[in-house]
């Protein structure tokens, strides 16, 4: 908001919250490991979510990781090529797998708590090629008939895009190395490991763009009230 005091123009910039930083959508990093590329027919095998926390000064930090092995849904497909890449044996007796609906409900409970604490109504999924993770998530929600999905149904933040813009690298391993972080090939294609690498990568990019964000806030505040745009629908 812009105001005048004693002839001088004062610019009031609102504090940084999830509402002002991400338009009311707290980011949650998600990675899924699957039995293929078709969200309708191929199995969801692992899911991990990394919470993103906001400090009092508006900067972000990586929070807790939640990861679950998932029982393939009845009749689901397991593509041999995909299984060779992720190295998952979905039927291994020591694999602590739980039903798909149970895994989703546990993840969603933590996300809803984070959304509520941020005084928001939805979360935004952050992923590498995020449309892939979001498609599998939405397909599993429909399949399990879960009514309260805390994620926005189509908006997402994509670290492949960020990697391409910042470093010319869209592969997560290459983008991570280009950013100056280590990469453990033996741990890759674990949902938790990949999600935590996504989280570190996106936090680094957000902090690098902080000065751009700060300048944009002051610029918009100096313009005073703007004509409101219709809110993006939160349901498809």
Protein backbone atom coordinates (compact mmCIF):
# COMPACT_ATOMS: atom_id res chain seq x y z
CA UNK A 1 0.00 0.00 0.00
CA UNK A 2 1.28 3.50 -0.85
CA UNK A 3 0.63 6.45 1.47
CA UNK A 4 1.79 10.06 1.88
CA UNK A 5 3.07 11.56 5.14
CA UNK A 6 4.23 15.18 5.23
CA UNK A 7 4.39 15.25 1.44
CA UNK A 8 6.70 12.23 1.24
CA UNK A 9 5.42 9.07 -0.28
CA UNK A 10 5.61 6.04 2.01
CA UNK A 11 5.46 2.53 0.62
CA UNK A 12 4.07 -0.09 2.95
CA UNK A 13 5.18 -3.58 1.97
CA UNK A 14 3.23 -6.43 3.60
CA UNK A 15 5.23 -9.00 5.60
CA UNK A 16 6.36 -12.18 3.87
CA UNK A 17 3.96 -15.05 4.52
CA UNK A 18 2.92 -18.02 2.43
CA UNK A 19 0.01 -15.89 1.24
CA UNK A 20 2.33 -13.16 -0.08
CA UNK A 21 5.27 -15.37 -1.13
CA UNK A 22 3.39 -18.09 -3.04
CA UNK A 23 -0.09 -16.61 -3.43
CA UNK A 24 -1.48 -18.70 -0.60
CA UNK A 25 -0.06 -22.06 -1.74
CA UNK A 26 2.57 -23.50 0.64
CA UNK A 27 5.01 -25.63 -1.39
CA UNK A 28 5.44 -29.33 -0.56
CA UNK A 29 8.05 -31.38 -2.42
CA UNK A 30 6.72 -34.72 -3.67
CA UNK A 31 8.39 -37.61 -5.44
CA UNK A 32 6.81 -40.87 -6.55
CA UNK A 33 8.37 -44.10 -7.77
CA UNK A 34 6.13 -46.04 -10.11
CA UNK A 35 5.80 -49.13 -12.25
CA UNK A 36 5.71 -47.11 -15.47
CA UNK A 37 4.64 -43.83 -17.04
CA UNK A 38 0.86 -44.34 -17.27
CA UNK A 39 -0.80 -42.90 -14.16
CA UNK A 40 -4.03 -44.77 -14.88
CA UNK A 41 -2.62 -48.28 -15.27
CA UNK A 42 0.85 -48.40 -13.72
CA UNK A 43 1.49 -49.01 -10.03
CA UNK A 44 2.37 -46.36 -7.47
CA UNK A 45 5.22 -48.00 -5.50
CA UNK A 46 6.69 -45.26 -3.29
CA UNK A 47 5.70 -41.77 -2.31
CA UNK A 48 7.64 -39.19 -0.31
CA UNK A 49 6.81 -35.65 0.76
CA UNK A 50 9.23 -33.04 2.11
CA UNK A 51 7.74 -30.16 4.07
CA UNK A 52 9.00 -26.63 3.41
CA UNK A 53 9.04 -24.38 6.47
CA UNK A 54 9.05 -20.59 6.57
CA UNK A 55 11.23 -18.81 9.12
CA UNK A 56 10.18 -15.62 10.90
CA UNK A 57 12.20 -13.52 8.42
CA UNK A 58 10.39 -15.04 5.44
CA UNK A 59 13.23 -17.32 4.33
CA UNK A 60 12.56 -21.01 3.75
CA UNK A 61 14.04 -24.19 5.19
CA UNK A 62 13.58 -27.89 4.54
CA UNK A 63 11.33 -29.59 7.05
CA UNK A 64 10.48 -33.19 7.82
CA UNK A 65 10.39 -35.98 5.22
CA UNK A 66 7.56 -38.51 5.09
CA UNK A 67 8.05 -41.62 2.96
CA UNK A 68 5.97 -44.74 2.38
CA UNK A 69 6.31 -47.93 0.36
CA UNK A 70 3.03 -48.71 -1.36
CA UNK A 71 1.26 -51.95 -2.22
CA UNK A 72 0.57 -52.00 -5.98
CA UNK A 73 -3.15 -51.56 -6.57
CA UNK A 74 -5.02 -54.67 -7.88
CA UNK A 75 -4.43 -55.26 -11.58
CA UNK A 76 -1.76 -52.55 -11.85
CA UNK A 77 1.01 -52.80 -14.42
CA UNK A 78 4.73 -53.10 -13.69
CA UNK A 79 6.80 -52.22 -16.74
CA UNK A 80 10.09 -54.18 -16.73
CA UNK A 81 12.07 -51.18 -17.99
CA UNK A 82 10.79 -48.95 -15.18
CA UNK A 83 11.43 -51.61 -12.55
CA UNK A 84 15.00 -52.01 -13.79
CA UNK A 85 15.59 -48.28 -13.28
CA UNK A 86 14.06 -47.89 -9.81
CA UNK A 87 15.32 -51.26 -8.55
CA UNK A 88 12.18 -51.85 -6.47
CA UNK A 89 11.00 -55.38 -5.68
CA UNK A 90 7.36 -54.62 -4.78
CA UNK A 91 6.81 -58.08 -3.34
CA UNK A 92 9.96 -58.38 -1.23
CA UNK A 93 8.99 -59.82 2.18
CA UNK A 94 11.06 -57.20 4.05
CA UNK A 95 9.57 -54.24 2.19
CA UNK A 96 7.37 -52.34 4.72
CA UNK A 97 4.59 -51.60 2.23
CA UNK A 98 1.15 -50.25 3.11
CA UNK A 99 -2.05 -49.90 1.03
CA UNK A 100 -2.26 -47.00 -1.39
CA UNK A 101 -5.09 -45.23 0.41
CA UNK A 102 -3.27 -45.50 3.76
CA UNK A 103 -0.07 -44.00 2.30
CA UNK A 104 -1.97 -41.11 0.74
CA UNK A 105 -3.95 -40.38 3.90
CA UNK A 106 -0.77 -40.28 5.98
CA UNK A 107 0.91 -37.88 3.55
CA UNK A 108 -2.22 -35.76 3.23
CA UNK A 109 -2.59 -35.46 7.01
CA UNK A 110 0.86 -33.88 7.28
CA UNK A 111 0.22 -31.61 4.31
CA UNK A 112 -3.13 -30.46 5.71
CA UNK A 113 -1.44 -29.66 9.03
CA UNK A 114 1.14 -27.55 7.20
CA UNK A 115 -1.52 -25.79 5.14
CA UNK A 116 -3.56 -25.05 8.25
CA UNK A 117 -0.52 -23.73 10.12
CA UNK A 118 0.19 -21.41 7.18
CA UNK A 119 -3.40 -20.13 7.27
CA UNK A 120 -3.92 -21.29 3.68
CA UNK A 121 -6.37 -23.64 1.97
CA UNK A 122 -4.24 -25.64 -0.50
CA UNK A 123 -0.65 -26.73 -1.03
CA UNK A 124 1.28 -26.65 -4.28
CA UNK A 125 3.21 -29.74 -5.37
CA UNK A 126 6.91 -29.24 -6.12
CA UNK A 127 8.51 -31.94 -8.24
CA UNK A 128 11.00 -32.73 -10.97
CA UNK A 129 8.86 -32.95 -14.09
CA UNK A 130 6.09 -32.17 -11.62
CA UNK A 131 3.25 -33.07 -13.99
CA UNK A 132 4.34 -36.72 -13.69
CA UNK A 133 4.11 -36.79 -9.87
CA UNK A 134 0.89 -34.76 -9.87
CA UNK A 135 -0.74 -37.03 -12.46
CA UNK A 136 0.06 -40.14 -10.40
CA UNK A 137 -1.10 -38.44 -7.22
CA UNK A 138 -4.40 -37.33 -8.75
CA UNK A 139 -4.99 -40.76 -10.32
CA UNK A 140 -4.42 -42.45 -6.95
CA UNK A 141 -6.81 -40.00 -5.26
CA UNK A 142 -9.55 -40.90 -7.76
CA UNK A 143 -8.80 -44.60 -7.47
CA UNK A 144 -8.99 -44.60 -3.66
CA UNK A 145 -11.94 -42.14 -3.59
CA UNK A 146 -10.19 -39.84 -1.12
CA UNK A 147 -12.33 -36.75 -0.71
CA UNK A 148 -9.87 -34.29 0.87
CA UNK A 149 -6.83 -33.83 -1.35
CA UNK A 150 -4.85 -30.88 0.04
CA UNK A 151 -2.90 -30.26 -3.18
CA UNK A 152 -3.96 -27.88 -5.91
CA UNK A 153 -5.27 -30.15 -8.69
CA UNK A 154 -3.22 -28.67 -11.55
CA UNK A 155 -0.84 -25.93 -10.37
CA UNK A 156 2.70 -27.16 -9.61
CA UNK A 157 6.30 -25.94 -9.30
CA UNK A 158 8.72 -27.79 -11.58
CA UNK A 159 12.40 -28.14 -10.70
CA UNK A 160 13.19 -29.35 -14.23
CA UNK A 161 12.13 -25.91 -15.47
CA UNK A 162 14.19 -24.20 -12.77
CA UNK A 163 17.23 -26.33 -13.61
CA UNK A 164 16.91 -25.56 -17.30
CA UNK A 165 16.61 -21.81 -16.73
CA UNK A 166 19.36 -21.54 -14.11
CA UNK A 167 21.93 -24.08 -15.36
CA UNK A 168 20.82 -25.37 -18.75
CA UNK A 169 20.22 -28.77 -17.11
CA UNK A 170 16.83 -30.49 -16.90
CA UNK A 171 18.05 -33.84 -15.52
CA UNK A 172 17.96 -33.74 -11.71
CA UNK A 173 21.41 -35.25 -11.21
CA UNK A 174 23.07 -32.79 -13.61
CA UNK A 175 21.14 -29.80 -12.25
CA UNK A 176 22.08 -30.78 -8.69
CA UNK A 177 25.77 -31.09 -9.55
CA UNK A 178 25.67 -27.83 -11.52
CA UNK A 179 24.24 -26.11 -8.42
CA UNK A 180 27.27 -27.28 -6.42
CA UNK A 181 25.62 -30.10 -4.45
CA UNK A 182 26.68 -33.72 -4.19
CA UNK A 183 24.77 -36.59 -5.79
CA UNK A 184 24.75 -40.23 -4.67
CA UNK A 185 23.86 -42.39 -7.66
CA UNK A 186 23.35 -45.45 -5.45
CA UNK A 187 20.60 -43.64 -3.49
CA UNK A 188 18.83 -42.15 -6.51
CA UNK A 189 15.36 -43.38 -7.51
CA UNK A 190 14.39 -43.65 -3.87
CA UNK A 191 11.38 -41.38 -3.38
CA UNK A 192 12.76 -39.91 -0.16
CA UNK A 193 16.27 -39.26 -1.55
CA UNK A 194 14.98 -37.67 -4.75
CA UNK A 195 12.41 -35.55 -2.91
CA UNK A 196 15.05 -34.23 -0.53
CA UNK A 197 17.32 -33.38 -3.49
CA UNK A 198 14.37 -31.56 -5.12
CA UNK A 199 13.78 -29.70 -1.87
CA UNK A 200 17.36 -28.55 -1.49
CA UNK A 201 17.49 -27.53 -5.14
CA UNK A 202 14.29 -25.45 -5.06
CA UNK A 203 15.24 -23.76 -1.78
CA UNK A 204 18.56 -22.73 -3.29
CA UNK A 205 16.76 -21.24 -6.32
CA UNK A 206 14.22 -19.42 -4.14
CA UNK A 207 16.96 -17.86 -2.03
CA UNK A 208 18.87 -16.83 -5.15
CA UNK A 209 15.78 -15.02 -6.45
CA UNK A 210 14.99 -13.34 -3.11
CA UNK A 211 16.25 -9.95 -4.29
CA UNK A 212 14.04 -10.18 -7.37
CA UNK A 213 11.03 -11.01 -5.20
CA UNK A 214 11.79 -8.17 -2.78
CA UNK A 215 12.03 -5.66 -5.63
CA UNK A 216 8.77 -6.88 -7.13
CA UNK A 217 6.94 -6.51 -3.82
CA UNK A 218 8.05 -2.90 -3.50
CA UNK A 219 7.13 -2.21 -7.12
CA UNK A 220 3.63 -3.59 -6.72
CA UNK A 221 3.12 -1.89 -3.36
CA UNK A 222 4.05 1.46 -4.93
CA UNK A 223 1.23 1.04 -7.46
CA UNK A 224 -1.43 1.01 -4.77
CA UNK A 225 -4.59 -1.12 -5.07
CA UNK A 226 -4.78 -2.99 -8.36
CA UNK A 227 -7.80 -4.31 -10.16
CA UNK A 228 -8.38 -7.80 -8.85
CA UNK A 229 -8.10 -10.79 -11.14
CA UNK A 230 -10.51 -13.71 -10.71
CA UNK A 231 -9.02 -16.32 -8.41
CA UNK A 232 -7.79 -19.51 -10.07
CA UNK A 233 -10.32 -22.26 -9.29
CA UNK A 234 -9.03 -24.80 -6.79
CA UNK A 235 -11.18 -27.62 -8.09
CA UNK A 236 -11.18 -29.05 -11.62
